[in-house]
Amino acid sequence: MDFLELAKNRYTTKQFDGSKKVADETIAKLKEIIRLSPSSINSQPWKFTFVTNEEIKAKLAKVSHHNEPKVADASLVVVFSVIDNLENFEIQIEKSLPEGSINYFKKNIKHLPEAEIKSWLAHQVYLSLGFFLSAAASLNLDSTPMEGIQTESYDEILQTEGYKTLFAVAVGYRNAEDSNQPIITPKSRLPLDKVISSI
């Protein structure tokens, strides 16, 4: 599918068909795609936890506020986490990045207050979200990005030591009755001339 058509048809799924499962081969493709996500200086300060285990998914659903049914019914939940220890992050980039990238971090980021550095790291994880949502759509999967979750409870359940949950994405196949799909409720976006400037 042409990317413009994909963008027109992709939407935030409100109801999943819990009886339809994402194939293992498709999940393997998603894992490889998300691994290739872009980030500033190729910093990659992230961990992506793929959850298909129904018992764990049920525990996550209970701490997902209004997103509980989406987490429960989706075939897959992907949890996006950011590295939480700045010392560990520096060790990681020293091992994996070229000198120029390391020097950029040391010159432009490292001197900032800890909260600002952690905000910069979190922004890198958010870059991967758009990449992932488009990838899912290209594989004919439906998805729902979710910030409305209890992130600390997710951390306890998943035990992703050294990382903190930022958000999650429910992935699967839409319920045929989902009223949010574009064929039932057309997409609502601001007019092009309100959001695009050409100089």
Protein backbone atom coordinates (compact mmCIF):
# COMPACT_ATOMS: atom_id res chain seq x y z
CA MET A 1 0.00 0.00 0.00
CA ASP A 2 1.15 3.53 -0.84
CA PHE A 3 2.25 5.30 2.39
CA LEU A 4 -0.32 8.08 1.96
CA GLU A 5 -3.09 5.48 1.73
CA LEU A 6 -1.65 3.72 4.76
CA ALA A 7 -1.75 7.02 6.70
CA LYS A 8 -5.35 7.62 5.66
CA ASN A 9 -6.44 4.18 6.80
CA ARG A 10 -4.42 3.77 10.01
CA TYR A 11 -6.32 4.74 13.15
CA THR A 12 -6.25 4.31 16.92
CA THR A 13 -8.15 1.11 17.59
CA LYS A 14 -10.68 1.27 20.40
CA GLN A 15 -11.87 -2.36 20.25
CA PHE A 16 -9.79 -5.40 19.39
CA ASP A 17 -10.96 -8.82 18.29
CA GLY A 18 -9.53 -10.97 21.09
CA SER A 19 -9.93 -14.17 19.06
CA LYS A 20 -7.43 -13.11 16.37
CA LYS A 21 -3.74 -13.59 17.13
CA VAL A 22 -0.73 -11.98 15.47
CA ALA A 23 1.45 -14.66 13.88
CA ASP A 24 4.89 -15.36 15.37
CA GLU A 25 6.56 -14.48 12.05
CA THR A 26 4.85 -11.09 12.05
CA ILE A 27 5.94 -10.43 15.63
CA ALA A 28 9.50 -11.34 14.63
CA LYS A 29 9.31 -8.72 11.84
CA LEU A 30 8.02 -6.09 14.28
CA LYS A 31 10.91 -6.83 16.64
CA GLU A 32 13.47 -6.36 13.88
CA ILE A 33 11.77 -3.19 12.63
CA ILE A 34 11.61 -1.55 16.08
CA ARG A 35 15.28 -2.44 16.64
CA LEU A 36 16.06 -0.29 13.59
CA SER A 37 14.26 2.81 14.91
CA PRO A 38 16.04 6.16 14.55
CA SER A 39 17.36 8.13 17.53
CA SER A 40 19.55 11.19 18.01
CA ILE A 41 23.24 10.25 17.62
CA ASN A 42 21.97 6.63 17.40
CA SER A 43 21.71 6.74 21.19
CA GLN A 44 19.11 3.92 21.47
CA PRO A 45 18.29 4.49 25.18
CA TRP A 46 15.41 2.02 25.09
CA LYS A 47 14.01 -1.38 25.78
CA PHE A 48 10.94 -2.82 24.03
CA THR A 49 9.10 -5.59 25.88
CA PHE A 50 6.82 -7.74 23.71
CA VAL A 51 4.06 -9.29 25.81
CA THR A 52 1.89 -12.11 24.45
CA ASN A 53 1.66 -14.14 27.66
CA GLU A 54 -2.03 -13.96 28.63
CA GLU A 55 -1.33 -14.07 32.37
CA ILE A 56 1.09 -11.14 32.22
CA LYS A 57 -1.19 -9.27 29.81
CA ALA A 58 -4.07 -9.65 32.28
CA LYS A 59 -1.93 -8.16 35.06
CA LEU A 60 -0.99 -5.23 32.84
CA ALA A 61 -4.62 -4.72 31.85
CA LYS A 62 -5.62 -4.24 35.50
CA VAL A 63 -3.20 -1.29 35.81
CA SER A 64 -4.09 0.35 32.51
CA HIS A 65 -6.99 2.61 33.57
CA HIS A 66 -9.50 3.09 30.70
CA ASN A 67 -7.17 1.10 28.41
CA GLU A 68 -7.86 -2.15 30.31
CA PRO A 69 -10.03 -3.76 27.57
CA LYS A 70 -7.53 -2.85 24.85
CA VAL A 71 -4.65 -4.47 26.73
CA ALA A 72 -6.78 -7.51 27.58
CA ASP A 73 -8.12 -8.07 24.04
CA ALA A 74 -5.09 -7.16 21.93
CA SER A 75 -2.98 -10.07 20.74
CA LEU A 76 0.25 -8.27 21.65
CA VAL A 77 1.27 -5.45 23.96
CA VAL A 78 4.61 -3.72 23.37
CA VAL A 79 5.95 -1.74 26.32
CA PHE A 80 8.36 1.11 25.54
CA SER A 81 10.88 1.84 28.30
CA VAL A 82 13.75 4.29 28.67
CA ILE A 83 17.09 3.66 30.35
CA ASP A 84 16.96 5.12 33.87
CA ASN A 85 20.60 5.15 34.96
CA LEU A 86 22.71 7.83 33.30
CA GLU A 87 25.96 6.08 34.19
CA ASN A 88 24.73 2.92 32.47
CA PHE A 89 23.71 4.97 29.45
CA GLU A 90 27.20 6.46 29.16
CA ILE A 91 28.74 3.00 29.41
CA GLN A 92 26.42 1.83 26.63
CA ILE A 93 27.29 4.64 24.22
CA GLU A 94 31.02 4.34 24.98
CA LYS A 95 30.80 0.73 23.79
CA SER A 96 28.52 1.21 20.79
CA LEU A 97 28.91 4.71 19.30
CA PRO A 98 31.66 6.35 17.24
CA GLU A 99 33.82 9.03 18.85
CA GLY A 100 31.98 11.90 17.15
CA SER A 101 28.63 10.85 18.62
CA ILE A 102 30.10 10.37 22.08
CA ASN A 103 31.71 13.80 21.90
CA TYR A 104 28.38 15.35 20.85
CA PHE A 105 26.75 13.88 23.96
CA LYS A 106 29.56 15.06 26.23
CA LYS A 107 29.59 18.58 24.76
CA ASN A 108 25.87 19.23 24.33
CA ILE A 109 23.92 16.94 26.66
CA LYS A 110 26.01 15.70 29.58
CA HIS A 111 26.34 19.11 31.31
CA LEU A 112 22.54 19.55 31.50
CA PRO A 113 20.58 18.89 34.72
CA GLU A 114 19.68 15.22 35.20
CA ALA A 115 15.98 15.87 34.55
CA GLU A 116 16.77 17.47 31.18
CA ILE A 117 19.06 14.60 30.17
CA LYS A 118 16.36 12.08 31.06
CA SER A 119 13.83 14.12 29.09
CA TRP A 120 16.16 14.01 26.07
CA LEU A 121 16.46 10.23 26.44
CA ALA A 122 12.67 9.85 26.67
CA HIS A 123 12.26 11.90 23.49
CA GLN A 124 14.35 9.29 21.65
CA VAL A 125 11.94 6.57 22.72
CA TYR A 126 9.01 8.65 21.47
CA LEU A 127 10.72 8.86 18.07
CA SER A 128 10.45 5.08 17.85
CA LEU A 129 6.70 5.19 18.49
CA GLY A 130 5.76 6.77 15.16
CA PHE A 131 8.12 4.38 13.40
CA PHE A 132 6.47 1.42 15.13
CA LEU A 133 2.86 2.50 14.47
CA SER A 134 3.60 2.90 10.76
CA ALA A 135 5.35 -0.46 10.68
CA ALA A 136 2.37 -2.17 12.30
CA ALA A 137 0.01 -0.60 9.78
CA SER A 138 2.24 -1.74 6.91
CA LEU A 139 1.81 -5.31 8.20
CA ASN A 140 -2.00 -4.90 8.26
CA LEU A 141 -2.05 -4.73 12.05
CA ASP A 142 -4.20 -2.41 14.13
CA SER A 143 -2.73 -0.57 17.10
CA THR A 144 -3.37 1.77 20.01
CA PRO A 145 -0.63 3.88 21.62
CA MET A 146 -1.33 4.26 25.36
CA GLU A 147 0.08 6.72 27.86
CA GLY A 148 -2.93 6.09 30.13
CA ILE A 149 -1.29 3.30 32.09
CA GLN A 150 0.22 2.99 35.57
CA THR A 151 3.86 3.03 34.50
CA GLU A 152 5.30 2.16 37.92
CA SER A 153 3.01 -0.89 38.12
CA TYR A 154 4.15 -1.93 34.65
CA ASP A 155 7.75 -1.72 35.89
CA GLU A 156 6.91 -3.97 38.86
CA ILE A 157 5.13 -6.55 36.71
CA LEU A 158 7.73 -6.66 33.93
CA GLN A 159 10.79 -6.21 36.16
CA THR A 160 12.69 -4.33 33.47
CA GLU A 161 15.58 -3.48 35.78
CA GLY A 162 17.40 -0.29 34.83
CA TYR A 163 14.56 0.95 32.63
CA LYS A 164 11.34 2.89 33.26
CA THR A 165 8.11 2.41 31.33
CA LEU A 166 6.99 5.43 29.30
CA PHE A 167 4.00 4.06 27.36
CA ALA A 168 2.70 0.94 25.65
CA VAL A 169 1.10 -0.05 22.35
CA ALA A 170 -1.68 -2.60 22.01
CA VAL A 171 -1.42 -4.51 18.72
CA GLY A 172 -3.79 -6.91 17.03
CA TYR A 173 -6.82 -6.89 14.79
CA ARG A 174 -9.81 -4.57 15.07
CA ASN A 175 -13.22 -5.71 16.19
CA ALA A 176 -15.55 -5.37 13.21
CA GLU A 177 -17.83 -3.26 15.42
CA ASP A 178 -15.11 -0.75 16.37
CA SER A 179 -16.78 2.61 15.75
CA ASN A 180 -13.46 4.48 15.59
CA GLN A 181 -12.38 2.92 12.29
CA PRO A 182 -12.30 5.43 9.39
CA ILE A 183 -15.00 3.65 7.37
CA ILE A 184 -17.42 4.40 10.25
CA THR A 185 -15.98 7.59 11.77
CA PRO A 186 -13.93 9.62 9.26
CA LYS A 187 -10.58 10.90 10.49
CA SER A 188 -10.62 14.41 11.92
CA ARG A 189 -7.51 16.49 11.23
CA LEU A 190 -6.81 20.20 10.99
CA PRO A 191 -6.76 21.58 7.42
CA LEU A 192 -3.44 21.33 5.61
CA ASP A 193 -3.05 25.13 5.45
CA LYS A 194 -3.35 25.31 9.26
CA VAL A 195 -0.46 22.95 9.94
CA ILE A 196 1.85 23.27 6.90
CA SER A 197 3.86 26.33 5.92
CA SER A 198 5.84 26.57 2.69
CA ILE A 199 8.66 29.10 2.39
